[in-house]
Amino acid sequence: MQNIDDLVRRATTDRNSDDDWLKLQDDMIQFLKENHPEDEKKKLRPLGWLESVFIICDGIIRRRIAEDDEIQQLKNQIYNLTGEKIEFTYKIHHNNVDYKEYLRNYLKKLNESI
């Protein structure tokens, strides 16, 4: 079980790697699901530490997507077939959907329907 002081300490350090930030976000979400005092949970939400961590993680995830050649190729293929731009969403991330796999499956369905 996570400790609120540890979560806040991890959120305020300047030594986090990208993976540390993503793990911290998951740990904070798990903390909110667990049985902790409300005054501790309020340190994370609303407009608490979790919001700041979400913003950092969103940037990390979006940068990784932008730098991933396969994802960009898949998005371009989908756009060329449909004119539709497929963008990353939190729904995909927080439901633990692999974005590449999501795009591959979408493209496969498009090709099957042609």
Protein backbone atom coordinates (compact mmCIF):
# COMPACT_ATOMS: atom_id res chain seq x y z
CA MET A 1 0.00 0.00 0.00
CA GLN A 2 1.32 3.44 -0.96
CA ASN A 3 2.11 6.17 1.55
CA ILE A 4 0.94 9.73 0.78
CA ASP A 5 4.22 11.26 1.97
CA ASP A 6 6.18 8.99 -0.37
CA LEU A 7 3.93 9.91 -3.30
CA VAL A 8 4.33 13.65 -2.62
CA ARG A 9 8.10 13.25 -2.19
CA ARG A 10 8.29 11.43 -5.54
CA ALA A 11 6.20 14.19 -7.17
CA THR A 12 8.52 16.93 -5.92
CA THR A 13 11.86 15.42 -6.89
CA ASP A 14 13.73 16.66 -9.92
CA ARG A 15 15.41 13.30 -10.50
CA ASN A 16 12.49 11.40 -12.03
CA SER A 17 12.99 9.62 -15.33
CA ASP A 18 10.10 9.40 -17.77
CA ASP A 19 9.33 5.91 -16.52
CA ASP A 20 9.43 7.14 -12.90
CA TRP A 21 6.77 9.76 -13.73
CA LEU A 22 4.54 7.21 -15.45
CA LYS A 23 4.89 4.80 -12.52
CA LEU A 24 4.10 7.64 -10.07
CA GLN A 25 0.92 8.43 -11.99
CA ASP A 26 -0.17 4.78 -11.80
CA ASP A 27 0.69 4.66 -8.09
CA MET A 28 -1.33 7.81 -7.37
CA ILE A 29 -4.35 6.43 -9.21
CA GLN A 30 -4.03 3.18 -7.25
CA PHE A 31 -3.75 5.17 -3.99
CA LEU A 32 -7.08 6.85 -4.72
CA LYS A 33 -8.71 3.46 -5.24
CA GLU A 34 -7.42 2.14 -1.92
CA ASN A 35 -8.77 2.70 1.58
CA HIS A 36 -6.95 5.85 2.74
CA PRO A 37 -8.18 8.82 4.78
CA GLU A 38 -9.95 11.47 2.71
CA ASP A 39 -7.58 14.21 3.93
CA GLU A 40 -4.70 12.24 2.35
CA LYS A 41 -6.60 11.67 -0.89
CA LYS A 42 -7.35 15.41 -1.08
CA LYS A 43 -3.61 16.04 -1.46
CA LEU A 44 -3.89 14.30 -4.84
CA ARG A 45 -7.26 15.56 -6.07
CA PRO A 46 -8.88 17.78 -7.19
CA LEU A 47 -6.26 20.20 -8.43
CA GLY A 48 -3.65 18.45 -6.33
CA TRP A 49 -0.43 16.62 -7.03
CA LEU A 50 -2.09 14.16 -9.39
CA GLU A 51 -3.05 16.91 -11.82
CA SER A 52 0.56 18.08 -12.08
CA VAL A 53 1.77 14.53 -12.57
CA PHE A 54 -0.91 13.94 -15.26
CA ILE A 55 0.32 16.97 -17.20
CA ILE A 56 3.92 15.77 -17.07
CA CYS A 57 2.92 12.23 -18.10
CA ASP A 58 0.76 13.51 -20.94
CA GLY A 59 3.78 15.29 -22.36
CA ILE A 60 5.93 12.18 -21.99
CA ILE A 61 3.39 9.96 -23.72
CA ARG A 62 2.74 12.43 -26.54
CA ARG A 63 6.48 12.88 -27.13
CA ARG A 64 6.98 9.10 -27.26
CA ILE A 65 4.15 8.81 -29.77
CA ALA A 66 5.55 11.63 -31.91
CA GLU A 67 8.99 9.97 -31.91
CA ASP A 68 7.68 6.50 -32.78
CA ASP A 69 8.09 5.94 -36.52
CA GLU A 70 5.73 2.95 -36.64
CA ILE A 71 2.93 4.91 -34.98
CA GLN A 72 3.41 7.78 -37.40
CA GLN A 73 3.32 5.39 -40.38
CA LEU A 74 0.13 3.74 -39.12
CA LYS A 75 -1.53 7.12 -38.55
CA ASN A 76 -0.52 8.23 -42.07
CA GLN A 77 -1.91 5.05 -43.62
CA ILE A 78 -5.21 5.53 -41.79
CA TYR A 79 -5.33 9.17 -42.85
CA ASN A 80 -4.64 8.25 -46.48
CA LEU A 81 -7.51 5.74 -46.45
CA THR A 82 -10.07 7.80 -44.54
CA GLY A 83 -8.95 11.39 -44.21
CA GLU A 84 -9.34 10.80 -40.47
CA LYS A 85 -6.67 11.86 -37.99
CA ILE A 86 -6.43 9.39 -35.11
CA GLU A 87 -5.16 11.07 -31.97
CA PHE A 88 -4.04 9.63 -28.68
CA THR A 89 -6.56 9.97 -25.85
CA TYR A 90 -6.51 9.38 -22.12
CA LYS A 91 -9.24 6.77 -22.63
CA ILE A 92 -6.75 4.68 -24.58
CA HIS A 93 -3.98 5.22 -22.02
CA HIS A 94 -5.99 4.64 -18.87
CA ASN A 95 -7.66 1.53 -20.18
CA ASN A 96 -4.17 0.13 -20.78
CA VAL A 97 -4.74 -0.10 -24.50
CA ASP A 98 -1.54 -0.38 -26.50
CA TYR A 99 -1.71 2.55 -28.92
CA LYS A 100 0.24 0.77 -31.67
CA GLU A 101 -1.97 -2.28 -31.38
CA TYR A 102 -5.06 -0.07 -31.44
CA LEU A 103 -3.86 1.57 -34.68
CA ARG A 104 -2.85 -1.78 -36.24
CA ASN A 105 -6.28 -3.26 -35.53
CA TYR A 106 -8.05 -0.16 -36.84
CA LEU A 107 -6.03 -0.25 -40.05
CA LYS A 108 -6.65 -3.97 -40.45
CA LYS A 109 -10.43 -3.43 -40.17
CA LEU A 110 -10.23 -0.61 -42.70
CA ASN A 111 -8.34 -2.77 -45.18
CA GLU A 112 -10.81 -5.64 -44.70
CA SER A 113 -13.72 -3.35 -45.47
CA ILE A 114 -12.22 -2.11 -48.75
